PDB file of N, CA and C in Angstrom:
ATOM      1  N   MET A   1      14.780  11.707  21.717  1.00  0.00           N
ATOM      2  CA  MET A   1      15.912  12.179  20.936  1.00  0.00           C
ATOM      3  C   MET A   1      16.519  11.003  20.158  1.00  0.00           C
ATOM      4  N   LEU A   2      16.683  11.180  18.882  1.00  0.00           N
ATOM      5  CA  LEU A   2      17.229  10.118  18.041  1.00  0.00           C
ATOM      6  C   LEU A   2      18.752  10.051  18.170  1.00  0.00           C
ATOM      7  N   SER A   3      19.278   8.833  18.153  1.00  0.00           N
ATOM      8  CA  SER A   3      20.729   8.663  18.119  1.00  0.00           C
ATOM      9  C   SER A   3      21.224   9.043  16.724  1.00  0.00           C
ATOM     10  N   GLU A   4      22.527   9.144  16.573  1.00  0.00           N
ATOM     11  CA  GLU A   4      23.094   9.530  15.279  1.00  0.00           C
ATOM     12  C   GLU A   4      22.705   8.534  14.176  1.00  0.00           C
ATOM     13  N   ILE A   5      22.794   7.241  14.467  1.00  0.00           N
ATOM     14  CA  ILE A   5      22.462   6.252  13.435  1.00  0.00           C
ATOM     15  C   ILE A   5      20.952   6.265  13.146  1.00  0.00           C
ATOM     16  N   GLU A   6      20.125   6.507  14.154  1.00  0.00           N
ATOM     17  CA  GLU A   6      18.676   6.622  13.907  1.00  0.00           C
ATOM     18  C   GLU A   6      18.390   7.812  12.987  1.00  0.00           C
ATOM     19  N   LYS A   7      19.109   8.907  13.202  1.00  0.00           N
ATOM     20  CA  LYS A   7      18.954  10.084  12.323  1.00  0.00           C
ATOM     21  C   LYS A   7      19.333   9.728  10.886  1.00  0.00           C
ATOM     22  N   GLN A   8      20.440   8.982  10.735  1.00  0.00           N
ATOM     23  CA  GLN A   8      20.895   8.587   9.393  1.00  0.00           C
ATOM     24  C   GLN A   8      19.862   7.699   8.708  1.00  0.00           C
ATOM     25  N   VAL A   9      19.271   6.773   9.456  1.00  0.00           N
ATOM     26  CA  VAL A   9      18.243   5.894   8.881  1.00  0.00           C
ATOM     27  C   VAL A   9      17.031   6.728   8.495  1.00  0.00           C
ATOM     28  N   ARG A  10      16.608   7.660   9.363  1.00  0.00           N
ATOM     29  CA  ARG A  10      15.447   8.507   9.061  1.00  0.00           C
ATOM     30  C   ARG A  10      15.698   9.313   7.785  1.00  0.00           C
ATOM     31  N   VAL A  11      16.877   9.899   7.665  1.00  0.00           N
ATOM     32  CA  VAL A  11      17.214  10.671   6.464  1.00  0.00           C
ATOM     33  C   VAL A  11      17.138   9.774   5.222  1.00  0.00           C
ATOM     34  N   ALA A  12      17.695   8.569   5.324  1.00  0.00           N
ATOM     35  CA  ALA A  12      17.708   7.646   4.180  1.00  0.00           C
ATOM     36  C   ALA A  12      16.291   7.264   3.762  1.00  0.00           C
ATOM     37  N   VAL A  13      15.447   6.888   4.724  1.00  0.00           N
ATOM     38  CA  VAL A  13      14.099   6.440   4.357  1.00  0.00           C
ATOM     39  C   VAL A  13      13.214   7.602   3.920  1.00  0.00           C
ATOM     40  N   GLU A  14      13.484   8.798   4.435  1.00  0.00           N
ATOM     41  CA  GLU A  14      12.679   9.957   4.018  1.00  0.00           C
ATOM     42  C   GLU A  14      13.036  10.421   2.612  1.00  0.00           C
ATOM     43  N   GLN A  15      14.163   9.941   2.064  1.00  0.00           N
ATOM     44  CA  GLN A  15      14.556  10.320   0.705  1.00  0.00           C
ATOM     45  C   GLN A  15      13.948   9.409  -0.362  1.00  0.00           C
ATOM     46  N   VAL A  16      13.307   8.319   0.063  1.00  0.00           N
ATOM     47  CA  VAL A  16      12.640   7.434  -0.895  1.00  0.00           C
ATOM     48  C   VAL A  16      11.522   8.224  -1.571  1.00  0.00           C
ATOM     49  N   VAL A  17      11.397   8.067  -2.876  1.00  0.00           N
ATOM     50  CA  VAL A  17      10.414   8.827  -3.645  1.00  0.00           C
ATOM     51  C   VAL A  17       9.178   7.972  -3.934  1.00  0.00           C
ATOM     52  N   ASP A  18       8.016   8.549  -3.690  1.00  0.00           N
ATOM     53  CA  ASP A  18       6.740   7.914  -4.036  1.00  0.00           C
ATOM     54  C   ASP A  18       6.566   8.072  -5.540  1.00  0.00           C
ATOM     55  N   PRO A  19       6.574   6.959  -6.296  1.00  0.00           N
ATOM     56  CA  PRO A  19       6.489   7.075  -7.754  1.00  0.00           C
ATOM     57  C   PRO A  19       5.172   7.666  -8.247  1.00  0.00           C
ATOM     58  N   GLU A  20       4.128   7.593  -7.437  1.00  0.00           N
ATOM     59  CA  GLU A  20       2.839   8.145  -7.878  1.00  0.00           C
ATOM     60  C   GLU A  20       2.802   9.668  -7.812  1.00  0.00           C
ATOM     61  N   THR A  21       3.526  10.252  -6.844  1.00  0.00           N
ATOM     62  CA  THR A  21       3.469  11.715  -6.671  1.00  0.00           C
ATOM     63  C   THR A  21       4.772  12.402  -7.048  1.00  0.00           C
ATOM     64  N   GLY A  22       5.876  11.641  -7.058  1.00  0.00           N
ATOM     65  CA  GLY A  22       7.177  12.235  -7.311  1.00  0.00           C
ATOM     66  C   GLY A  22       7.756  12.938  -6.088  1.00  0.00           C
ATOM     67  N   LEU A  23       7.060  12.865  -4.959  1.00  0.00           N
ATOM     68  CA  LEU A  23       7.522  13.488  -3.724  1.00  0.00           C
ATOM     69  C   LEU A  23       8.239  12.460  -2.859  1.00  0.00           C
ATOM     70  N   THR A  24       9.128  12.949  -1.993  1.00  0.00           N
ATOM     71  CA  THR A  24       9.811  12.029  -1.080  1.00  0.00           C
ATOM     72  C   THR A  24       8.876  11.696   0.076  1.00  0.00           C
ATOM     73  N   PHE A  25       9.205  10.585   0.747  1.00  0.00           N
ATOM     74  CA  PHE A  25       8.405  10.195   1.911  1.00  0.00           C
ATOM     75  C   PHE A  25       8.506  11.248   3.006  1.00  0.00           C
ATOM     76  N   GLY A  26       9.659  11.919   3.080  1.00  0.00           N
ATOM     77  CA  GLY A  26       9.826  13.003   4.045  1.00  0.00           C
ATOM     78  C   GLY A  26       8.882  14.163   3.735  1.00  0.00           C
ATOM     79  N   GLN A  27       8.794  14.543   2.454  1.00  0.00           N
ATOM     80  CA  GLN A  27       7.887  15.629   2.053  1.00  0.00           C
ATOM     81  C   GLN A  27       6.435  15.274   2.345  1.00  0.00           C
ATOM     82  N   MET A  28       6.106  13.990   2.228  1.00  0.00           N
ATOM     83  CA  MET A  28       4.723  13.550   2.429  1.00  0.00           C
ATOM     84  C   MET A  28       4.424  13.151   3.873  1.00  0.00           C
ATOM     85  N   ASN A  29       5.433  13.256   4.758  1.00  0.00           N
ATOM     86  CA  ASN A  29       5.273  12.863   6.169  1.00  0.00           C
ATOM     87  C   ASN A  29       4.764  11.429   6.318  1.00  0.00           C
ATOM     88  N   MET A  30       5.311  10.521   5.510  1.00  0.00           N
ATOM     89  CA  MET A  30       4.868   9.125   5.543  1.00  0.00           C
ATOM     90  C   MET A  30       5.616   8.286   6.576  1.00  0.00           C
ATOM     91  N   ILE A  31       6.785   8.733   6.996  1.00  0.00           N
ATOM     92  CA  ILE A  31       7.571   7.991   7.986  1.00  0.00           C
ATOM     93  C   ILE A  31       7.150   8.483   9.371  1.00  0.00           C
ATOM     94  N   THR A  32       6.548   7.594  10.156  1.00  0.00           N
ATOM     95  CA  THR A  32       6.040   8.021  11.457  1.00  0.00           C
ATOM     96  C   THR A  32       6.965   7.660  12.611  1.00  0.00           C
ATOM     97  N   ASN A  33       7.880   6.707  12.394  1.00  0.00           N
ATOM     98  CA  ASN A  33       8.774   6.321  13.481  1.00  0.00           C
ATOM     99  C   ASN A  33      10.009   5.622  12.933  1.00  0.00           C
ATOM    100  N   VAL A  34      11.154   5.950  13.520  1.00  0.00           N
ATOM    101  CA  VAL A  34      12.400   5.229  13.268  1.00  0.00           C
ATOM    102  C   VAL A  34      13.012   4.988  14.636  1.00  0.00           C
ATOM    103  N   SER A  35      13.266   3.730  14.965  1.00  0.00           N
ATOM    104  CA  SER A  35      13.878   3.442  16.262  1.00  0.00           C
ATOM    105  C   SER A  35      14.834   2.265  16.154  1.00  0.00           C
ATOM    106  N   GLN A  36      15.890   2.348  16.952  1.00  0.00           N
ATOM    107  CA  GLN A  36      16.851   1.246  17.020  1.00  0.00           C
ATOM    108  C   GLN A  36      16.405   0.351  18.170  1.00  0.00           C
ATOM    109  N   GLU A  37      16.006  -0.863  17.832  1.00  0.00           N
ATOM    110  CA  GLU A  37      15.476  -1.797  18.825  1.00  0.00           C
ATOM    111  C   GLU A  37      16.593  -2.450  19.641  1.00  0.00           C
ATOM    112  N   GLU A  38      17.700  -2.727  18.955  1.00  0.00           N
ATOM    113  CA  GLU A  38      18.919  -3.236  19.576  1.00  0.00           C
ATOM    114  C   GLU A  38      20.038  -2.846  18.621  1.00  0.00           C
ATOM    115  N   PRO A  39      21.305  -2.953  19.028  1.00  0.00           N
ATOM    116  CA  PRO A  39      22.375  -2.483  18.142  1.00  0.00           C
ATOM    117  C   PRO A  39      22.266  -3.053  16.719  1.00  0.00           C
ATOM    118  N   GLY A  40      22.139  -2.159  15.740  1.00  0.00           N
ATOM    119  CA  GLY A  40      22.075  -2.555  14.337  1.00  0.00           C
ATOM    120  C   GLY A  40      20.724  -3.029  13.848  1.00  0.00           C
ATOM    121  N   VAL A  41      19.727  -3.067  14.729  1.00  0.00           N
ATOM    122  CA  VAL A  41      18.390  -3.546  14.351  1.00  0.00           C
ATOM    123  C   VAL A  41      17.396  -2.384  14.466  1.00  0.00           C
ATOM    124  N   PHE A  42      16.758  -2.067  13.342  1.00  0.00           N
ATOM    125  CA  PHE A  42      15.888  -0.897  13.286  1.00  0.00           C
ATOM    126  C   PHE A  42      14.459  -1.243  12.945  1.00  0.00           C
ATOM    127  N   LYS A  43      13.568  -0.422  13.455  1.00  0.00           N
ATOM    128  CA  LYS A  43      12.137  -0.525  13.152  1.00  0.00           C
ATOM    129  C   LYS A  43      11.728   0.799  12.516  1.00  0.00           C
ATOM    130  N   VAL A  44      11.063   0.702  11.379  1.00  0.00           N
ATOM    131  CA  VAL A  44      10.568   1.888  10.684  1.00  0.00           C
ATOM    132  C   VAL A  44       9.072   1.717  10.453  1.00  0.00           C
ATOM    133  N   ASP A  45       8.284   2.692  10.899  1.00  0.00           N
ATOM    134  CA  ASP A  45       6.845   2.682  10.657  1.00  0.00           C
ATOM    135  C   ASP A  45       6.529   3.716   9.580  1.00  0.00           C
ATOM    136  N   PHE A  46       5.603   3.349   8.672  1.00  0.00           N
ATOM    137  CA  PHE A  46       5.175   4.321   7.671  1.00  0.00           C
ATOM    138  C   PHE A  46       3.688   4.188   7.413  1.00  0.00           C
ATOM    139  N   VAL A  47       3.122   5.284   6.934  1.00  0.00           N
ATOM    140  CA  VAL A  47       1.705   5.320   6.570  1.00  0.00           C
ATOM    141  C   VAL A  47       1.641   5.675   5.088  1.00  0.00           C
ATOM    142  N   PRO A  48       1.095   4.782   4.250  1.00  0.00           N
ATOM    143  CA  PRO A  48       0.994   5.108   2.830  1.00  0.00           C
ATOM    144  C   PRO A  48       0.005   6.252   2.597  1.00  0.00           C
ATOM    145  N   SER A  49       0.076   6.824   1.425  1.00  0.00           N
ATOM    146  CA  SER A  49      -0.751   8.002   1.127  1.00  0.00           C
ATOM    147  C   SER A  49      -2.241   7.669   1.082  1.00  0.00           C
ATOM    148  N   SER A  50      -2.578   6.399   0.952  1.00  0.00           N
ATOM    149  CA  SER A  50      -3.983   5.980   0.911  1.00  0.00           C
ATOM    150  C   SER A  50      -4.100   4.600   1.545  1.00  0.00           C
ATOM    151  N   PRO A  51      -5.229   4.310   2.229  1.00  0.00           N
ATOM    152  CA  PRO A  51      -5.392   2.974   2.820  1.00  0.00           C
ATOM    153  C   PRO A  51      -5.514   1.872   1.766  1.00  0.00           C
ATOM    154  N   PHE A  52      -5.671   2.268   0.507  1.00  0.00           N
ATOM    155  CA  PHE A  52      -5.778   1.298  -0.589  1.00  0.00           C
ATOM    156  C   PHE A  52      -4.617   1.434  -1.567  1.00  0.00           C
ATOM    157  N   CYS A  53      -3.547   2.086  -1.147  1.00  0.00           N
ATOM    158  CA  CYS A  53      -2.397   2.344  -2.016  1.00  0.00           C
ATOM    159  C   CYS A  53      -1.988   1.050  -2.732  1.00  0.00           C
ATOM    160  N   PRO A  54      -2.034   1.036  -4.075  1.00  0.00           N
ATOM    161  CA  PRO A  54      -1.763  -0.198  -4.808  1.00  0.00           C
ATOM    162  C   PRO A  54      -0.289  -0.619  -4.793  1.00  0.00           C
ATOM    163  N   ILE A  55       0.601   0.283  -4.413  1.00  0.00           N
ATOM    164  CA  ILE A  55       2.025  -0.066  -4.436  1.00  0.00           C
ATOM    165  C   ILE A  55       2.635  -0.100  -3.025  1.00  0.00           C
ATOM    166  N   ALA A  56       1.810  -0.307  -2.019  1.00  0.00           N
ATOM    167  CA  ALA A  56       2.305  -0.301  -0.633  1.00  0.00           C
ATOM    168  C   ALA A  56       3.362  -1.377  -0.399  1.00  0.00           C
ATOM    169  N   PHE A  57       3.234  -2.546  -1.046  1.00  0.00           N
ATOM    170  CA  PHE A  57       4.260  -3.589  -0.898  1.00  0.00           C
ATOM    171  C   PHE A  57       5.601  -3.067  -1.411  1.00  0.00           C
ATOM    172  N   LYS A  58       5.591  -2.406  -2.569  1.00  0.00           N
ATOM    173  CA  LYS A  58       6.816  -1.849  -3.149  1.00  0.00           C
ATOM    174  C   LYS A  58       7.383  -0.760  -2.253  1.00  0.00           C
ATOM    175  N   LEU A  59       6.521   0.101  -1.728  1.00  0.00           N
ATOM    176  CA  LEU A  59       6.983   1.180  -0.863  1.00  0.00           C
ATOM    177  C   LEU A  59       7.683   0.604   0.377  1.00  0.00           C
ATOM    178  N   ALA A  60       7.101  -0.422   0.969  1.00  0.00           N
ATOM    179  CA  ALA A  60       7.695  -1.048   2.145  1.00  0.00           C
ATOM    180  C   ALA A  60       9.062  -1.630   1.796  1.00  0.00           C
ATOM    181  N   ALA A  61       9.166  -2.287   0.652  1.00  0.00           N
ATOM    182  CA  ALA A  61      10.448  -2.866   0.219  1.00  0.00           C
ATOM    183  C   ALA A  61      11.478  -1.765  -0.040  1.00  0.00           C
ATOM    184  N   ASP A  62      11.040  -0.652  -0.626  1.00  0.00           N
ATOM    185  CA  ASP A  62      11.950   0.475  -0.884  1.00  0.00           C
ATOM    186  C   ASP A  62      12.457   1.087   0.422  1.00  0.00           C
ATOM    187  N   ILE A  63      11.570   1.197   1.415  1.00  0.00           N
ATOM    188  CA  ILE A  63      11.966   1.736   2.723  1.00  0.00           C
ATOM    189  C   ILE A  63      12.990   0.810   3.367  1.00  0.00           C
ATOM    190  N   LYS A  64      12.724  -0.490   3.301  1.00  0.00           N
ATOM    191  CA  LYS A  64      13.654  -1.463   3.889  1.00  0.00           C
ATOM    192  C   LYS A  64      15.024  -1.352   3.219  1.00  0.00           C
ATOM    193  N   ALA A  65      15.051  -1.270   1.895  1.00  0.00           N
ATOM    194  CA  ALA A  65      16.321  -1.160   1.164  1.00  0.00           C
ATOM    195  C   ALA A  65      17.066   0.116   1.562  1.00  0.00           C
ATOM    196  N   ALA A  66      16.339   1.217   1.712  1.00  0.00           N
ATOM    197  CA  ALA A  66      16.967   2.483   2.101  1.00  0.00           C
ATOM    198  C   ALA A  66      17.559   2.381   3.508  1.00  0.00           C
ATOM    199  N   ALA A  67      16.828   1.778   4.425  1.00  0.00           N
ATOM    200  CA  ALA A  67      17.334   1.615   5.798  1.00  0.00           C
ATOM    201  C   ALA A  67      18.578   0.731   5.806  1.00  0.00           C
ATOM    202  N   MET A  68      18.540  -0.351   5.030  1.00  0.00           N
ATOM    203  CA  MET A  68      19.665  -1.288   4.994  1.00  0.00           C
ATOM    204  C   MET A  68      20.909  -0.669   4.343  1.00  0.00           C
ATOM    205  N   SER A  69      20.735   0.409   3.587  1.00  0.00           N
ATOM    206  CA  SER A  69      21.875   1.053   2.926  1.00  0.00           C
ATOM    207  C   SER A  69      22.726   1.869   3.895  1.00  0.00           C
ATOM    208  N   VAL A  70      22.216   2.113   5.090  1.00  0.00           N
ATOM    209  CA  VAL A  70      22.945   2.906   6.081  1.00  0.00           C
ATOM    210  C   VAL A  70      23.987   2.029   6.775  1.00  0.00           C
ATOM    211  N   LYS A  71      25.214   2.516   6.813  1.00  0.00           N
ATOM    212  CA  LYS A  71      26.302   1.769   7.451  1.00  0.00           C
ATOM    213  C   LYS A  71      25.957   1.521   8.917  1.00  0.00           C
ATOM    214  N   GLY A  72      26.095   0.263   9.328  1.00  0.00           N
ATOM    215  CA  GLY A  72      25.818  -0.098  10.713  1.00  0.00           C
ATOM    216  C   GLY A  72      24.467  -0.764  10.904  1.00  0.00           C
ATOM    217  N   VAL A  73      23.614  -0.720   9.874  1.00  0.00           N
ATOM    218  CA  VAL A  73      22.304  -1.366   9.969  1.00  0.00           C
ATOM    219  C   VAL A  73      22.461  -2.825   9.549  1.00  0.00           C
ATOM    220  N   LYS A  74      22.098  -3.733  10.467  1.00  0.00           N
ATOM    221  CA  LYS A  74      22.190  -5.171  10.183  1.00  0.00           C
ATOM    222  C   LYS A  74      20.842  -5.731   9.763  1.00  0.00           C
ATOM    223  N   LYS A  75      19.786  -5.213  10.384  1.00  0.00           N
ATOM    224  CA  LYS A  75      18.425  -5.646  10.068  1.00  0.00           C
ATOM    225  C   LYS A  75      17.508  -4.447  10.126  1.00  0.00           C
ATOM    226  N   ALA A  76      16.494  -4.462   9.258  1.00  0.00           N
ATOM    227  CA  ALA A  76      15.490  -3.403   9.283  1.00  0.00           C
ATOM    228  C   ALA A  76      14.117  -4.053   9.164  1.00  0.00           C
ATOM    229  N   PHE A  77      13.258  -3.700  10.078  1.00  0.00           N
ATOM    230  CA  PHE A  77      11.876  -4.171  10.047  1.00  0.00           C
ATOM    231  C   PHE A  77      11.005  -2.976   9.699  1.00  0.00           C
ATOM    232  N   VAL A  78      10.186  -3.143   8.681  1.00  0.00           N
ATOM    233  CA  VAL A  78       9.337  -2.054   8.209  1.00  0.00           C
ATOM    234  C   VAL A  78       7.888  -2.425   8.461  1.00  0.00           C
ATOM    235  N   TYR A  79       7.158  -1.500   9.062  1.00  0.00           N
ATOM    236  CA  TYR A  79       5.754  -1.742   9.385  1.00  0.00           C
ATOM    237  C   TYR A  79       4.874  -0.683   8.736  1.00  0.00           C
ATOM    238  N   CYS A  80       3.985  -1.164   7.885  1.00  0.00           N
ATOM    239  CA  CYS A  80       2.986  -0.326   7.239  1.00  0.00           C
ATOM    240  C   CYS A  80       1.826  -0.159   8.220  1.00  0.00           C
ATOM    241  N   ARG A  81       1.316   1.041   8.342  1.00  0.00           N
ATOM    242  CA  ARG A  81       0.181   1.325   9.229  1.00  0.00           C
ATOM    243  C   ARG A  81      -0.942   1.975   8.417  1.00  0.00           C
ATOM    244  N   GLY A  82      -2.170   1.630   8.746  1.00  0.00           N
ATOM    245  CA  GLY A  82      -3.301   2.303   8.119  1.00  0.00           C
ATOM    246  C   GLY A  82      -3.620   1.869   6.695  1.00  0.00           C
ATOM    247  N   HIS A  83      -3.177   0.686   6.298  1.00  0.00           N
ATOM    248  CA  HIS A  83      -3.470   0.164   4.958  1.00  0.00           C
ATOM    249  C   HIS A  83      -4.390  -1.044   5.118  1.00  0.00           C
ATOM    250  N   THR A  84      -5.267  -1.259   4.156  1.00  0.00           N
ATOM    251  CA  THR A  84      -6.200  -2.379   4.245  1.00  0.00           C
ATOM    252  C   THR A  84      -5.486  -3.730   4.267  1.00  0.00           C
ATOM    253  N   MET A  85      -4.274  -3.789   3.730  1.00  0.00           N
ATOM    254  CA  MET A  85      -3.516  -5.046   3.698  1.00  0.00           C
ATOM    255  C   MET A  85      -2.259  -4.967   4.562  1.00  0.00           C
ATOM    256  N   GLU A  86      -2.274  -4.140   5.595  1.00  0.00           N
ATOM    257  CA  GLU A  86      -1.040  -3.925   6.364  1.00  0.00           C
ATOM    258  C   GLU A  86      -0.470  -5.213   6.939  1.00  0.00           C
ATOM    259  N   GLU A  87      -1.314  -6.128   7.393  1.00  0.00           N
ATOM    260  CA  GLU A  87      -0.807  -7.371   7.982  1.00  0.00           C
ATOM    261  C   GLU A  87      -0.012  -8.172   6.954  1.00  0.00           C
ATOM    262  N   GLU A  88      -0.547  -8.310   5.739  1.00  0.00           N
ATOM    263  CA  GLU A  88       0.135  -9.050   4.678  1.00  0.00           C
ATOM    264  C   GLU A  88       1.422  -8.334   4.257  1.00  0.00           C
ATOM    265  N   ILE A  89       1.343  -7.010   4.151  1.00  0.00           N
ATOM    266  CA  ILE A  89       2.535  -6.234   3.770  1.00  0.00           C
ATOM    267  C   ILE A  89       3.639  -6.435   4.798  1.00  0.00           C
ATOM    268  N   ASN A  90       3.286  -6.311   6.088  1.00  0.00           N
ATOM    269  CA  ASN A  90       4.275  -6.431   7.152  1.00  0.00           C
ATOM    270  C   ASN A  90       4.898  -7.831   7.192  1.00  0.00           C
ATOM    271  N   LYS A  91       4.075  -8.861   6.999  1.00  0.00           N
ATOM    272  CA  LYS A  91       4.604 -10.229   6.981  1.00  0.00           C
ATOM    273  C   LYS A  91       5.567 -10.418   5.814  1.00  0.00           C
ATOM    274  N   THR A  92       5.190  -9.938   4.639  1.00  0.00           N
ATOM    275  CA  THR A  92       5.980 -10.139   3.432  1.00  0.00           C
ATOM    276  C   THR A  92       7.329  -9.405   3.514  1.00  0.00           C
ATOM    277  N   VAL A  93       7.301  -8.148   3.909  1.00  0.00           N
ATOM    278  CA  VAL A  93       8.533  -7.357   3.895  1.00  0.00           C
ATOM    279  C   VAL A  93       9.495  -7.734   5.022  1.00  0.00           C
ATOM    280  N   ASN A  94       8.979  -8.348   6.080  1.00  0.00           N
ATOM    281  CA  ASN A  94       9.825  -8.644   7.237  1.00  0.00           C
ATOM    282  C   ASN A  94      10.177 -10.119   7.395  1.00  0.00           C
ATOM    283  N   LYS A  95       9.930 -10.931   6.352  1.00  0.00           N
ATOM    284  CA  LYS A  95      10.254 -12.364   6.514  1.00  0.00           C
ATOM    285  C   LYS A  95      11.711 -12.627   6.293  1.00  0.00           C
TER     286      LYS A  95
END
């Protein structure tokens, strides 16, 4: 069961729009996990629409910005899953 702030973060990140399809991440079921690791610190996992998605770095940055826009969020860590460059994406977006 998600806490109230976890729900708010999930809503925020699911409203991010994929510029290639015009659909939200929520519509595309791209957000696989939102969890509060410690007070104000969140982890968001997402799966891009393709393992070779050319804009996965941008998508990760957009998700992070959306999570950080929620009142009470101090840090957001975003993890891309299932992409050929997921390790590089995760390092870049979470530094």
